Amino acid sequence: MWNEVPEDWKPRLREHLRKTTGAERDRLSACDFRSDQSVHIRFEDGSLAMFRYAFAIFSEDLQRCMVFTEHCGYHQFPVGAASVEIRRSAPAG
């Protein structure tokens, strides 16, 4: 399923949720996604991917990045941290 967290990512997700929300869980809810945050990925060939309402977790040992989105599921990419940018939009005014 596109919205099931793979077993090998659950410990990393638990750690992320513990750091960001203080919660001890490996399931996501809508309030775990910031409306002002997006994840931008640049691939070696110059291609780009952008996900709104998302966050990314990196795995050095798996040499992968997992992008968690509120509306488009969860996706693994074979990229390192240098290829991923987390952006937050600034409030107008």
Protein backbone atom coordinates (compact mmCIF):
# COMPACT_ATOMS: atom_id res chain seq x y z
CA MET A 1 0.00 0.00 0.00
CA TRP A 2 1.17 3.53 -0.75
CA ASN A 3 0.35 4.69 2.78
CA GLU A 4 1.84 1.85 4.85
CA VAL A 5 5.18 2.54 6.47
CA PRO A 6 7.69 -0.19 5.57
CA GLU A 7 8.97 -2.09 8.63
CA ASP A 8 12.58 -0.97 8.17
CA TRP A 9 11.46 2.69 8.30
CA LYS A 10 9.26 2.45 11.41
CA PRO A 11 12.14 2.97 13.91
CA ARG A 12 13.25 6.08 11.99
CA LEU A 13 9.68 7.38 11.86
CA ARG A 14 9.24 6.77 15.61
CA GLU A 15 12.41 8.74 16.26
CA HIS A 16 11.24 11.59 14.00
CA LEU A 17 7.82 11.74 15.70
CA ARG A 18 9.43 11.62 19.15
CA LYS A 19 11.63 14.61 18.22
CA THR A 20 8.91 16.66 16.51
CA THR A 21 5.81 15.85 18.57
CA GLY A 22 6.97 14.05 21.69
CA ALA A 23 4.72 11.13 20.74
CA GLU A 24 5.80 7.49 20.89
CA ARG A 25 4.16 6.00 17.77
CA ASP A 26 4.93 4.77 14.25
CA ARG A 27 1.69 5.86 12.57
CA LEU A 28 1.05 9.27 11.11
CA SER A 29 -1.87 11.63 11.43
CA ALA A 30 -2.79 14.75 9.46
CA CYS A 31 -1.39 16.99 12.19
CA ASP A 32 2.12 15.56 11.56
CA PHE A 33 2.31 17.46 8.25
CA ARG A 34 3.00 21.19 8.12
CA SER A 35 0.95 23.15 5.59
CA ASP A 36 3.90 25.50 4.98
CA GLN A 37 6.50 22.79 4.33
CA SER A 38 7.55 20.99 1.15
CA VAL A 39 10.28 18.56 0.15
CA HIS A 40 12.29 19.16 -3.03
CA ILE A 41 14.50 16.41 -4.50
CA ARG A 42 17.10 16.91 -7.23
CA PHE A 43 18.22 13.78 -9.05
CA GLU A 44 21.59 13.19 -10.73
CA ASP A 45 20.16 13.79 -14.21
CA GLY A 46 18.76 17.18 -13.20
CA SER A 47 15.17 15.96 -12.74
CA LEU A 48 13.22 17.40 -9.83
CA ALA A 49 10.40 16.20 -7.59
CA MET A 50 8.44 18.36 -5.17
CA PHE A 51 5.98 17.25 -2.48
CA ARG A 52 3.77 19.63 -0.49
CA TYR A 53 2.66 18.90 3.08
CA ALA A 54 5.65 16.59 3.45
CA PHE A 55 8.77 15.77 5.40
CA ALA A 56 11.78 13.57 4.68
CA ILE A 57 13.78 11.09 6.74
CA PHE A 58 17.22 9.88 5.69
CA SER A 59 18.85 6.51 6.18
CA GLU A 60 22.63 6.51 5.87
CA ASP A 61 22.79 2.71 6.11
CA LEU A 62 20.12 2.20 3.43
CA GLN A 63 21.45 5.13 1.36
CA ARG A 64 17.88 6.26 0.86
CA CYS A 65 15.47 9.02 1.66
CA MET A 66 11.85 8.40 2.58
CA VAL A 67 9.42 11.21 1.83
CA PHE A 68 6.20 11.18 3.84
CA THR A 69 3.34 13.21 2.36
CA GLU A 70 -0.08 13.92 3.76
CA HIS A 71 -2.00 13.36 0.52
CA CYS A 72 0.29 11.39 -1.82
CA GLY A 73 1.57 8.52 0.30
CA TYR A 74 5.12 7.63 1.25
CA HIS A 75 7.98 7.28 -1.21
CA GLN A 76 11.57 5.97 -1.07
CA PHE A 77 14.33 7.49 -3.19
CA PRO A 78 17.96 6.42 -3.65
CA VAL A 79 19.39 9.85 -2.79
CA GLY A 80 21.46 11.35 -0.01
CA ALA A 81 20.75 14.36 2.19
CA ALA A 82 22.60 16.69 -0.21
CA SER A 83 19.97 16.01 -2.88
CA VAL A 84 16.97 16.91 -0.70
CA GLU A 85 15.84 20.34 0.42
CA ILE A 86 13.13 21.01 2.99
CA ARG A 87 11.43 24.35 2.33
CA ARG A 88 9.04 26.34 4.48
CA SER A 89 7.07 29.18 3.01
CA ALA A 90 7.30 32.52 4.75
CA PRO A 91 4.09 34.25 5.79
CA ALA A 92 3.16 37.20 3.59
CA GLY A 93 3.46 40.65 5.04
